[in-house]
Amino acid sequence: MITAKTLQLGVIGDPVEHSFSPKMHNFIAGYTGMDYVYSAFRVAPENVRDAISGIRALGIRGINVTAPHKIAVMEYLDEISPEAKLLGSVNTVVNRDGRLTGYNTDSEGFYMALLHAGIEVRGKRILVMGAGGVVKPTLIRLAQAEPESITVINRTRSKAEKTADTVFDAVGYRPETELNGLDFDIVLNTTSAGMAPQLDALPIDSIEGIDNLDFIHSRMSVVDMIYNPDETLFLKRARERGAKTLNGLDMLIYQGVIAYELFTGTKLPSDIADVIRKEVFGR
């Protein structure tokens, strides 16, 4: 039951109506018996500064930040964690007595999802399809895990090259941007191909050098950051070819778990991700 003592959490974005975060975080609060409530706030880009001031004024304990505010919000915070600075974006803000600190839980949530699925990165050859906004933190976290190689490809090659340059500037590792064969251990889709309204699209569409999915095999792990639908056409085709597949749901769950621990200053039960997957998402 919400009382005058209930602490406030939330997510800001534009749009934000699609967010699963309120459902997930309110479940965690109920499951653990913690007196928190989590809401969604639609904030237009021109109102980000006022929204951040409102967190202080209203004593909101913390917020998650989703598109398109993950970079813009950084200007209005008191402190940014070293990891968030490195990644260049913030998705979690914690209010400690009026002092706002920004964190990024996206990349670590992504990496924890891989580990939970038994996908080892160290020493592996990785192909990343897409060079959009989510790619830089993902590539940095992959580079930190010491793979044998990372190749990032995009419909527009200049965009892939720019992304590779920014990763090099951050951690001194420059992903390849040109295909030299198709011998990979892990293939990751970061594009929107396969998500409505592109349900029949594949991430290889319009990618020079890949005409079909024949390069996918049973010793490969294929990962899609999309979690709705549960199985994109890309993952379905990969599964049919015997590959191990993983969608984006666990990445969403783990980044949320890390954020909740930052909000509350507590450690959640070790099995909480499995509980959330079953009870919140029915998986």
Protein backbone atom coordinates (compact mmCIF):
# COMPACT_ATOMS: atom_id res chain seq x y z
CA MET A 1 0.00 0.00 0.00
CA ILE A 2 1.27 3.46 -0.92
CA THR A 3 1.59 5.79 2.07
CA ALA A 4 3.15 9.18 2.77
CA LYS A 5 6.37 7.32 3.57
CA THR A 6 6.54 5.48 0.24
CA LEU A 7 9.65 6.43 -1.71
CA GLN A 8 9.24 7.45 -5.35
CA LEU A 9 11.06 6.02 -8.37
CA GLY A 10 10.38 6.45 -12.07
CA VAL A 11 11.46 6.52 -15.68
CA ILE A 12 11.59 9.50 -18.04
CA GLY A 13 11.53 9.33 -21.83
CA ASP A 14 9.65 10.46 -24.91
CA PRO A 15 7.70 8.37 -25.62
CA VAL A 16 7.57 6.30 -22.45
CA GLU A 17 4.19 4.58 -22.57
CA HIS A 18 5.77 1.39 -23.96
CA SER A 19 8.17 0.96 -21.02
CA PHE A 20 8.13 -2.31 -19.07
CA SER A 21 10.10 -0.70 -16.23
CA PRO A 22 7.12 0.25 -14.00
CA LYS A 23 5.78 -3.29 -14.09
CA MET A 24 9.19 -4.79 -13.35
CA HIS A 25 10.28 -2.39 -10.60
CA ASN A 26 6.92 -2.42 -8.82
CA PHE A 27 7.05 -6.21 -8.83
CA ILE A 28 10.53 -6.12 -7.26
CA ALA A 29 9.25 -3.75 -4.55
CA GLY A 30 6.33 -6.02 -3.75
CA TYR A 31 8.41 -9.20 -3.89
CA THR A 32 11.06 -7.83 -1.53
CA GLY A 33 8.65 -5.90 0.70
CA MET A 34 10.44 -2.60 0.07
CA ASP A 35 8.37 0.58 0.34
CA TYR A 36 8.93 1.99 -3.16
CA VAL A 37 6.61 2.85 -6.04
CA TYR A 38 7.74 3.33 -9.64
CA SER A 39 6.00 5.50 -12.26
CA ALA A 40 6.55 6.55 -15.87
CA PHE A 41 6.88 10.22 -16.85
CA ARG A 42 6.78 11.44 -20.41
CA VAL A 43 9.28 14.29 -20.69
CA ALA A 44 9.74 16.24 -23.92
CA PRO A 45 13.37 17.03 -24.85
CA GLU A 46 12.96 20.73 -24.09
CA ASN A 47 11.81 19.89 -20.55
CA VAL A 48 14.68 17.63 -19.44
CA ARG A 49 16.32 20.32 -17.31
CA ASP A 50 13.06 21.07 -15.50
CA ALA A 51 12.42 17.37 -14.97
CA ILE A 52 15.82 16.88 -13.33
CA SER A 53 15.19 19.90 -11.09
CA GLY A 54 11.87 18.30 -10.19
CA ILE A 55 13.63 15.17 -8.94
CA ARG A 56 15.45 17.28 -6.38
CA ALA A 57 12.43 19.40 -5.50
CA LEU A 58 10.09 16.43 -5.01
CA GLY A 59 12.63 14.19 -3.33
CA ILE A 60 12.24 11.42 -5.92
CA ARG A 61 14.74 8.74 -4.92
CA GLY A 62 15.78 7.81 -8.44
CA ILE A 63 14.86 7.57 -12.10
CA ASN A 64 15.72 5.55 -15.13
CA VAL A 65 16.35 7.46 -18.34
CA THR A 66 15.36 6.15 -21.74
CA ALA A 67 15.45 7.55 -25.27
CA PRO A 68 16.01 10.27 -26.26
CA HIS A 69 17.43 11.68 -23.00
CA LYS A 70 20.38 9.43 -22.08
CA ILE A 71 22.99 11.93 -23.22
CA ALA A 72 21.12 15.20 -22.65
CA VAL A 73 20.46 14.39 -19.00
CA MET A 74 24.17 14.29 -18.18
CA GLU A 75 24.47 18.08 -18.33
CA TYR A 76 22.16 18.54 -15.33
CA LEU A 77 23.62 16.02 -12.88
CA ASP A 78 25.98 16.68 -9.99
CA GLU A 79 28.13 13.64 -10.61
CA ILE A 80 28.54 10.95 -13.26
CA SER A 81 30.05 7.56 -12.51
CA PRO A 82 33.35 6.73 -14.26
CA GLU A 83 31.65 3.95 -16.23
CA ALA A 84 28.86 6.23 -17.46
CA LYS A 85 31.46 8.81 -18.51
CA LEU A 86 33.31 6.13 -20.42
CA LEU A 87 30.13 4.89 -22.11
CA GLY A 88 28.96 8.42 -22.86
CA SER A 89 25.39 8.05 -21.59
CA VAL A 90 23.31 7.72 -18.43
CA ASN A 91 20.27 5.51 -17.95
CA THR A 92 20.00 5.64 -14.13
CA VAL A 93 20.00 8.65 -11.79
CA VAL A 94 20.15 8.26 -8.02
CA ASN A 95 19.15 11.06 -5.65
CA ARG A 96 21.19 11.01 -2.45
CA ASP A 97 20.08 13.92 -0.25
CA GLY A 98 19.58 16.20 -3.23
CA ARG A 99 22.80 15.23 -4.99
CA LEU A 100 22.12 13.49 -8.30
CA THR A 101 24.54 10.86 -9.61
CA GLY A 102 24.26 9.32 -13.06
CA TYR A 103 25.05 5.69 -13.87
CA ASN A 104 24.81 3.42 -16.89
CA THR A 105 23.46 -0.07 -16.18
CA ASP A 106 22.71 -0.96 -19.81
CA SER A 107 26.09 -2.37 -20.78
CA GLU A 108 26.58 -4.40 -17.61
CA GLY A 109 23.02 -5.69 -17.85
CA PHE A 110 23.78 -6.80 -21.40
CA TYR A 111 26.96 -8.55 -20.31
CA MET A 112 25.26 -10.26 -17.35
CA ALA A 113 22.58 -11.57 -19.71
CA LEU A 114 25.27 -13.14 -21.91
CA LEU A 115 26.93 -14.79 -18.91
CA HIS A 116 23.61 -16.07 -17.57
CA ALA A 117 22.94 -17.66 -20.95
CA GLY A 118 26.38 -19.32 -20.94
CA ILE A 119 27.75 -17.13 -23.73
CA GLU A 120 31.46 -16.51 -23.12
CA VAL A 121 33.00 -13.45 -24.79
CA ARG A 122 36.69 -13.83 -23.97
CA GLY A 123 38.64 -15.09 -26.97
CA LYS A 124 35.59 -15.12 -29.26
CA ARG A 125 35.04 -13.62 -32.69
CA ILE A 126 32.05 -11.29 -32.60
CA LEU A 127 29.94 -9.76 -35.36
CA VAL A 128 27.78 -6.77 -34.39
CA MET A 129 25.11 -5.66 -36.85
CA GLY A 130 24.05 -2.04 -36.56
CA ALA A 131 25.74 1.16 -35.45
CA GLY A 132 22.91 3.03 -33.75
CA GLY A 133 22.69 4.64 -30.35
CA VAL A 134 22.87 1.45 -28.27
CA VAL A 135 26.02 0.21 -29.95
CA LYS A 136 28.78 2.27 -28.34
CA PRO A 137 28.20 1.07 -24.73
CA THR A 138 27.73 -2.48 -26.01
CA LEU A 139 30.97 -2.44 -27.99
CA ILE A 140 32.91 -0.95 -25.10
CA ARG A 141 31.69 -3.66 -22.71
CA LEU A 142 32.49 -6.36 -25.26
CA ALA A 143 35.97 -4.93 -25.80
CA GLN A 144 36.59 -4.96 -22.04
CA ALA A 145 35.84 -8.70 -21.99
CA GLU A 146 38.86 -9.40 -24.24
CA PRO A 147 37.35 -11.06 -27.32
CA GLU A 148 39.57 -12.24 -30.16
CA SER A 149 37.91 -9.76 -32.50
CA ILE A 150 34.89 -7.50 -32.94
CA THR A 151 33.50 -6.53 -36.32
CA VAL A 152 30.74 -3.92 -36.53
CA ILE A 153 28.82 -3.54 -39.76
CA ASN A 154 26.06 -1.18 -40.78
CA ARG A 155 24.03 -0.34 -43.86
CA THR A 156 25.97 2.93 -43.96
CA ARG A 157 29.63 2.01 -43.55
CA SER A 158 30.70 5.54 -42.60
CA LYS A 159 28.46 5.28 -39.53
CA ALA A 160 30.13 2.02 -38.52
CA GLU A 161 33.54 3.62 -38.94
CA LYS A 162 32.52 6.61 -36.80
CA THR A 163 31.27 4.25 -34.09
CA ALA A 164 34.52 2.28 -34.21
CA ASP A 165 36.47 5.51 -33.81
CA THR A 166 34.48 6.53 -30.73
CA VAL A 167 35.08 3.13 -29.15
CA PHE A 168 38.81 3.48 -29.83
CA ASP A 169 38.82 6.93 -28.24
CA ALA A 170 37.11 5.49 -25.14
CA VAL A 171 39.09 2.28 -24.52
CA GLY A 172 41.88 2.10 -27.09
CA TYR A 173 40.27 -0.76 -29.02
CA ARG A 174 39.03 -0.22 -32.56
CA PRO A 175 36.52 -2.75 -33.91
CA GLU A 176 36.84 -3.83 -37.51
CA THR A 177 34.33 -2.36 -39.96
CA GLU A 178 35.03 -4.55 -42.96
CA LEU A 179 34.05 -8.18 -43.37
CA ASN A 180 36.96 -10.54 -43.91
CA GLY A 181 34.98 -13.75 -44.11
CA LEU A 182 32.04 -14.83 -41.99
CA ASP A 183 33.69 -17.04 -39.39
CA PHE A 184 32.22 -15.83 -36.07
CA ASP A 185 31.36 -17.29 -32.69
CA ILE A 186 28.80 -14.67 -31.64
CA VAL A 187 26.47 -12.63 -33.84
CA LEU A 188 24.61 -9.70 -32.29
CA ASN A 189 21.76 -7.72 -33.84
CA THR A 190 21.36 -4.19 -32.48
CA THR A 191 19.10 -2.92 -35.28
CA SER A 192 15.30 -2.65 -35.21
CA ALA A 193 14.90 -5.26 -37.97
CA GLY A 194 12.42 -7.84 -36.71
CA MET A 195 10.50 -5.46 -34.46
CA ALA A 196 7.11 -4.04 -35.47
CA PRO A 197 6.47 -2.77 -38.06
CA GLN A 198 9.50 -4.59 -39.54
CA LEU A 199 8.53 -8.10 -38.40
CA ASP A 200 9.58 -9.69 -41.71
CA ALA A 201 12.92 -7.86 -41.90
CA LEU A 202 16.35 -9.33 -41.25
CA PRO A 203 19.34 -7.32 -39.99
CA ILE A 204 21.38 -8.51 -42.97
CA ASP A 205 19.03 -6.74 -45.39
CA SER A 206 21.02 -4.07 -47.26
CA ILE A 207 24.28 -5.18 -45.60
CA GLU A 208 26.98 -5.45 -48.23
CA GLY A 209 28.82 -8.77 -48.07
CA ILE A 210 26.05 -10.87 -46.47
CA ASP A 211 23.43 -12.27 -48.82
CA ASN A 212 21.95 -15.00 -46.63
CA LEU A 213 22.20 -16.70 -43.24
CA ASP A 214 24.20 -19.73 -44.40
CA PHE A 215 27.13 -18.61 -42.23
CA ILE A 216 25.15 -19.32 -39.04
CA HIS A 217 25.85 -22.75 -37.56
CA SER A 218 25.23 -24.88 -34.48
CA ARG A 219 28.40 -23.79 -32.63
CA MET A 220 27.40 -20.14 -32.84
CA SER A 221 25.50 -17.92 -30.38
CA VAL A 222 23.06 -15.48 -31.98
CA VAL A 223 21.81 -12.59 -29.86
CA ASP A 224 19.08 -10.06 -30.66
CA MET A 225 18.56 -6.98 -28.46
CA ILE A 226 14.87 -6.99 -29.39
CA TYR A 227 12.56 -8.56 -26.76
CA ASN A 228 9.20 -7.90 -28.41
CA PRO A 229 8.45 -10.16 -30.22
CA ASP A 230 10.04 -12.95 -28.17
CA GLU A 231 11.58 -14.46 -31.27
CA THR A 232 12.40 -12.25 -34.22
CA LEU A 233 12.60 -13.70 -37.69
CA PHE A 234 16.39 -13.49 -37.35
CA LEU A 235 16.41 -15.56 -34.15
CA LYS A 236 13.96 -18.04 -35.64
CA ARG A 237 16.17 -18.60 -38.68
CA ALA A 238 19.24 -18.91 -36.45
CA ARG A 239 17.50 -21.44 -34.18
CA GLU A 240 16.47 -23.46 -37.21
CA ARG A 241 20.13 -23.63 -38.19
CA GLY A 242 21.02 -25.00 -34.76
CA ALA A 243 22.51 -21.87 -33.20
CA LYS A 244 22.06 -20.95 -29.55
CA THR A 245 19.77 -17.92 -29.42
CA LEU A 246 19.07 -15.17 -26.90
CA ASN A 247 16.65 -12.25 -27.14
CA GLY A 248 16.85 -8.91 -25.33
CA LEU A 249 14.59 -9.70 -22.37
CA ASP A 250 17.36 -10.73 -19.96
CA MET A 251 19.30 -7.59 -20.88
CA LEU A 252 16.25 -5.52 -19.88
CA ILE A 253 15.87 -7.48 -16.64
CA TYR A 254 19.50 -7.33 -15.54
CA GLN A 255 19.92 -3.61 -16.22
CA GLY A 256 16.78 -3.06 -14.14
CA VAL A 257 18.07 -5.22 -11.30
CA ILE A 258 21.34 -3.26 -11.18
CA ALA A 259 19.42 0.04 -11.25
CA TYR A 260 17.12 -1.06 -8.41
CA GLU A 261 20.11 -1.96 -6.27
CA LEU A 262 21.54 1.50 -6.90
CA PHE A 263 18.21 3.17 -6.04
CA THR A 264 17.77 1.29 -2.78
CA GLY A 265 21.34 0.62 -1.69
CA THR A 266 20.46 -3.04 -1.17
CA LYS A 267 21.47 -6.34 -2.78
CA LEU A 268 18.59 -8.22 -4.37
CA PRO A 269 18.23 -12.02 -4.09
CA SER A 270 20.54 -13.92 -6.45
CA ASP A 271 17.58 -15.54 -8.22
CA ILE A 272 15.62 -12.32 -8.73
CA ALA A 273 16.18 -12.24 -12.52
CA ASP A 274 14.68 -15.73 -12.89
CA VAL A 275 11.74 -14.73 -10.68
CA ILE A 276 11.12 -11.57 -12.74
CA ARG A 277 11.31 -13.48 -15.99
CA LYS A 278 8.65 -15.92 -14.79
CA GLU A 279 6.34 -13.72 -12.73
CA VAL A 280 6.47 -10.47 -14.69
CA PHE A 281 7.04 -11.65 -18.24
CA GLY A 282 5.68 -15.22 -18.07
CA ARG A 283 8.82 -16.73 -19.61
